[in-house]
Structures are given as C-alpha cells and as structure tokens.
Amino acid sequence: MHFEDVDTSLGDQNYLAEAILGGGLPEEAEICLWRAAEAYADSATAEEYLRQAESHAPDHAAVLIGFYRFYFYKGRLREALGIAERCLVKAARENNFSIEWRLVTKDDAIFDSYDAVLPRFYLFTLKGYAYLKMRLGEIEESREAVMKLQELDPSDKIGAKVLLGVLDRIGVSDDD
C-alpha cells in the first residue's frame, strides 16, 4: 500500500487512523523517516533525522511511532516510555477518551474489533506502556495498565495475558 492509496474521505474523526498508515505525512517528514531507518546503525544521525521528521510533522503518529521504535530497539527504554506516554495522550484525544488511562472504560469504544483502528492503536499503546513500565521496574503501574487492558479487551485480542503471566512470575524462582 502506498500512502496516497489511503482513503481520506473518512473525515476528521479518522485522521489518526490515516496517520497510522502514513496519511497526511508531509513528504519532507517521510523522507526523514526513511533516512532515519537507513542510518539506524549510526544512532546520532538516525535520531537527528527523526528530529527533522518531527519538525516537519509535529505530533504525527508515524513520527511518534518512528521515535518509539528507535528508542525501544536501542534499549533507551525511559525515552521510549516518554513517547508511549505522548502516544497515549494523542490516542485518547483522537478517540475522545479521558487522557487519564485509568478512567477509560470498555463502553468508551468498540475495543474488540480489528476494524476499529483508533481504539486498537490505543490498546497497543497502552500495552507498550505497560511493558515498558515492567521493564523499568515499575511493577505495580505495569500491573494496573495490564489489568486495564484486560478490562478493555476481555477477549485478549491484544495479548495482555502474556504480560500478566510475566508479571506474575516476577520474583518467583524456578523451584516454586
């Protein structure tokens, strides 16, 4: 799929859904994202390209996802968490949810539909947030986020049970 193939007739409410697929991304930002990917081995150069992409498309989901992946795969988890937090706020606003994830309820959206791109982006972002909190040793906050995922997605399409299993095994020896 090419960016120009994205249906833009869906209206403002689906802007983020389009943005996740790269819609609305200025060409300059797209070029910078490609250059960042090509320069991945050179962290300073790749990060500079990401910053340039952000200057062309501030707060665009594709740019935020680029930053998140860069920081995550470079092991810069605290910075990845900062981006995940920005994505949570963005996804909450685009979905008309509370920006406080603890206040979002299963009645706020259809979370269990694969076609509901915006709510699923929210769930994936919350899952990333929970995972990063766990990796950073913030176990209780991670557990709260995982429990919220299970509340919003009781059929576990997002895979929160895997994270819960890992959380449940923290501190348990193999002999237990």
Protein backbone atom coordinates (compact mmCIF):
# COMPACT_ATOMS: atom_id res chain seq x y z
CA MET A 1 0.00 0.00 0.00
CA HIS A 2 1.23 3.46 -0.82
CA PHE A 3 0.45 6.46 1.32
CA GLU A 4 -1.52 8.03 -1.49
CA ASP A 5 -3.80 4.95 -1.57
CA VAL A 6 -5.24 5.71 1.88
CA ASP A 7 -8.89 6.75 1.70
CA THR A 8 -9.00 10.31 3.00
CA SER A 9 -12.77 10.67 2.63
CA LEU A 10 -13.39 9.37 6.15
CA GLY A 11 -13.39 12.79 7.80
CA ASP A 12 -11.53 14.30 10.72
CA GLN A 13 -12.56 11.60 13.18
CA ASN A 14 -10.38 9.10 11.33
CA TYR A 15 -7.34 11.36 10.98
CA LEU A 16 -5.27 9.26 13.39
CA ALA A 17 -6.27 6.05 11.62
CA GLU A 18 -4.98 7.55 8.39
CA ALA A 19 -1.90 8.93 10.13
CA ILE A 20 -1.00 5.49 11.48
CA LEU A 21 -0.86 4.37 7.86
CA GLY A 22 1.19 7.43 6.96
CA GLY A 23 -1.65 9.58 5.62
CA GLY A 24 -1.17 13.30 5.96
CA LEU A 25 2.57 12.90 6.43
CA PRO A 26 4.42 15.68 4.61
CA GLU A 27 6.88 14.38 2.03
CA GLU A 28 9.79 16.01 3.87
CA ALA A 29 8.91 14.09 7.04
CA GLU A 30 8.54 10.83 5.13
CA ILE A 31 11.99 11.30 3.59
CA CYS A 32 13.47 11.97 7.03
CA LEU A 33 11.86 8.81 8.43
CA TRP A 34 13.34 6.75 5.59
CA ARG A 35 16.75 8.33 6.16
CA ALA A 36 16.48 7.60 9.90
CA ALA A 37 15.79 3.95 9.12
CA GLU A 38 18.73 3.79 6.72
CA ALA A 39 21.02 5.42 9.30
CA TYR A 40 19.83 3.23 12.19
CA ALA A 41 23.34 1.90 12.95
CA ASP A 42 24.54 5.49 13.48
CA SER A 43 22.34 6.48 16.43
CA ALA A 44 23.18 10.18 16.40
CA THR A 45 22.42 10.55 12.69
CA ALA A 46 19.24 8.46 12.88
CA GLU A 47 17.97 10.45 15.84
CA GLU A 48 18.72 13.72 14.04
CA TYR A 49 16.64 12.55 11.07
CA LEU A 50 13.81 11.67 13.46
CA ARG A 51 14.00 15.17 14.94
CA GLN A 52 13.88 16.64 11.43
CA ALA A 53 10.82 14.50 10.66
CA GLU A 54 9.22 15.82 13.84
CA SER A 55 9.94 19.40 12.78
CA HIS A 56 8.05 18.75 9.53
CA ALA A 57 5.21 16.82 11.18
CA PRO A 58 4.96 17.55 14.89
CA ASP A 59 2.77 15.08 16.76
CA HIS A 60 2.14 12.91 13.65
CA ALA A 61 1.55 9.28 14.64
CA ALA A 62 4.04 7.96 12.07
CA VAL A 63 6.79 10.17 13.53
CA LEU A 64 5.93 9.19 17.09
CA ILE A 65 5.98 5.51 16.14
CA GLY A 66 9.36 6.06 14.47
CA PHE A 67 10.75 7.57 17.67
CA TYR A 68 9.22 4.83 19.79
CA ARG A 69 10.73 2.03 17.72
CA PHE A 70 14.12 3.74 17.58
CA TYR A 71 14.31 4.24 21.35
CA PHE A 72 12.88 0.80 22.10
CA TYR A 73 15.26 -1.13 19.85
CA LYS A 74 18.23 0.96 21.01
CA GLY A 75 17.38 -0.05 24.58
CA ARG A 76 16.58 3.53 25.55
CA LEU A 77 13.51 2.43 27.44
CA ARG A 78 12.96 5.58 29.50
CA GLU A 79 12.83 7.64 26.28
CA ALA A 80 10.57 5.04 24.64
CA LEU A 81 8.26 5.36 27.65
CA GLY A 82 8.11 9.12 27.14
CA ILE A 83 6.99 8.57 23.55
CA ALA A 84 4.47 5.91 24.65
CA GLU A 85 3.02 8.45 27.08
CA ARG A 86 2.72 11.02 24.28
CA CYS A 87 1.03 8.39 22.09
CA LEU A 88 -1.42 7.51 24.88
CA VAL A 89 -2.47 11.14 25.20
CA LYS A 90 -2.73 11.52 21.43
CA ALA A 91 -4.75 8.31 21.03
CA ALA A 92 -7.00 9.30 23.94
CA ARG A 93 -7.72 12.69 22.41
CA GLU A 94 -8.36 11.24 18.95
CA ASN A 95 -10.76 8.68 20.48
CA ASN A 96 -12.41 11.27 22.76
CA PHE A 97 -11.28 9.29 25.83
CA SER A 98 -10.07 10.68 29.10
CA ILE A 99 -6.34 11.38 28.85
CA GLU A 100 -6.01 9.51 32.16
CA TRP A 101 -5.89 5.87 31.03
CA ARG A 102 -7.24 4.63 34.36
CA LEU A 103 -10.56 6.42 33.58
CA VAL A 104 -11.10 4.85 30.15
CA THR A 105 -13.87 2.22 30.17
CA LYS A 106 -14.91 -0.57 27.85
CA ASP A 107 -18.00 1.49 27.00
CA ASP A 108 -15.86 4.28 25.51
CA ALA A 109 -15.25 2.41 22.24
CA ILE A 110 -15.51 -0.90 20.43
CA PHE A 111 -12.16 -2.27 21.51
CA ASP A 112 -12.58 -5.85 20.28
CA SER A 113 -12.98 -5.11 16.57
CA TYR A 114 -9.99 -5.49 14.29
CA ASP A 115 -11.55 -2.81 12.09
CA ALA A 116 -11.58 -0.23 14.90
CA VAL A 117 -8.13 1.19 14.14
CA LEU A 118 -8.19 4.06 16.61
CA PRO A 119 -9.23 2.05 19.68
CA ARG A 120 -6.76 -0.69 18.75
CA PHE A 121 -3.98 1.89 18.46
CA TYR A 122 -4.92 2.99 21.96
CA LEU A 123 -4.75 -0.60 23.23
CA PHE A 124 -1.40 -1.30 21.57
CA THR A 125 -0.03 1.93 23.01
CA LEU A 126 -1.25 1.02 26.50
CA LYS A 127 0.30 -2.43 26.10
CA GLY A 128 3.64 -0.85 25.14
CA TYR A 129 3.33 1.46 28.14
CA ALA A 130 2.66 -1.50 30.46
CA TYR A 131 5.58 -3.46 29.04
CA LEU A 132 7.99 -0.55 29.42
CA LYS A 133 6.84 0.11 32.97
CA MET A 134 7.54 -3.55 33.74
CA ARG A 135 10.99 -3.44 32.13
CA LEU A 136 11.80 -0.29 34.08
CA GLY A 137 10.85 -1.99 37.35
CA GLU A 138 7.62 -0.09 37.90
CA ILE A 139 5.73 -3.31 38.51
CA GLU A 140 2.57 -2.02 40.18
CA GLU A 141 1.95 0.60 37.48
CA SER A 142 2.59 -2.06 34.85
CA ARG A 143 0.12 -4.41 36.52
CA GLU A 144 -2.53 -1.66 36.69
CA ALA A 145 -2.10 -0.98 32.97
CA VAL A 146 -2.34 -4.70 32.14
CA MET A 147 -5.48 -5.01 34.23
CA LYS A 148 -6.93 -2.04 32.33
CA LEU A 149 -6.06 -3.79 29.06
CA GLN A 150 -7.92 -6.89 30.23
CA GLU A 151 -10.92 -4.77 31.18
CA LEU A 152 -10.99 -3.04 27.78
CA ASP A 153 -10.19 -6.19 25.79
CA PRO A 154 -11.67 -9.15 27.70
CA SER A 155 -11.25 -11.47 24.69
CA ASP A 156 -7.49 -10.67 24.86
CA LYS A 157 -7.01 -9.90 21.18
CA ILE A 158 -4.17 -7.58 22.22
CA GLY A 159 -2.34 -10.26 24.25
CA ALA A 160 -2.41 -8.73 27.75
CA LYS A 161 -2.47 -12.18 29.37
CA VAL A 162 1.11 -12.77 28.24
CA LEU A 163 2.24 -9.64 30.09
CA LEU A 164 0.21 -10.62 33.13
CA GLY A 165 1.92 -14.02 33.12
CA VAL A 166 5.33 -12.36 33.08
CA LEU A 167 4.31 -10.01 35.88
CA ASP A 168 3.01 -12.93 37.94
CA ARG A 169 6.36 -14.73 37.59
CA ILE A 170 8.49 -11.78 38.71
CA GLY A 171 10.20 -12.73 41.94
CA VAL A 172 9.17 -16.37 41.71
CA SER A 173 12.06 -18.82 41.48
CA ASP A 174 12.04 -21.73 39.06
CA ASP A 175 11.74 -24.09 42.03
CA ASP A 176 8.34 -22.66 43.09
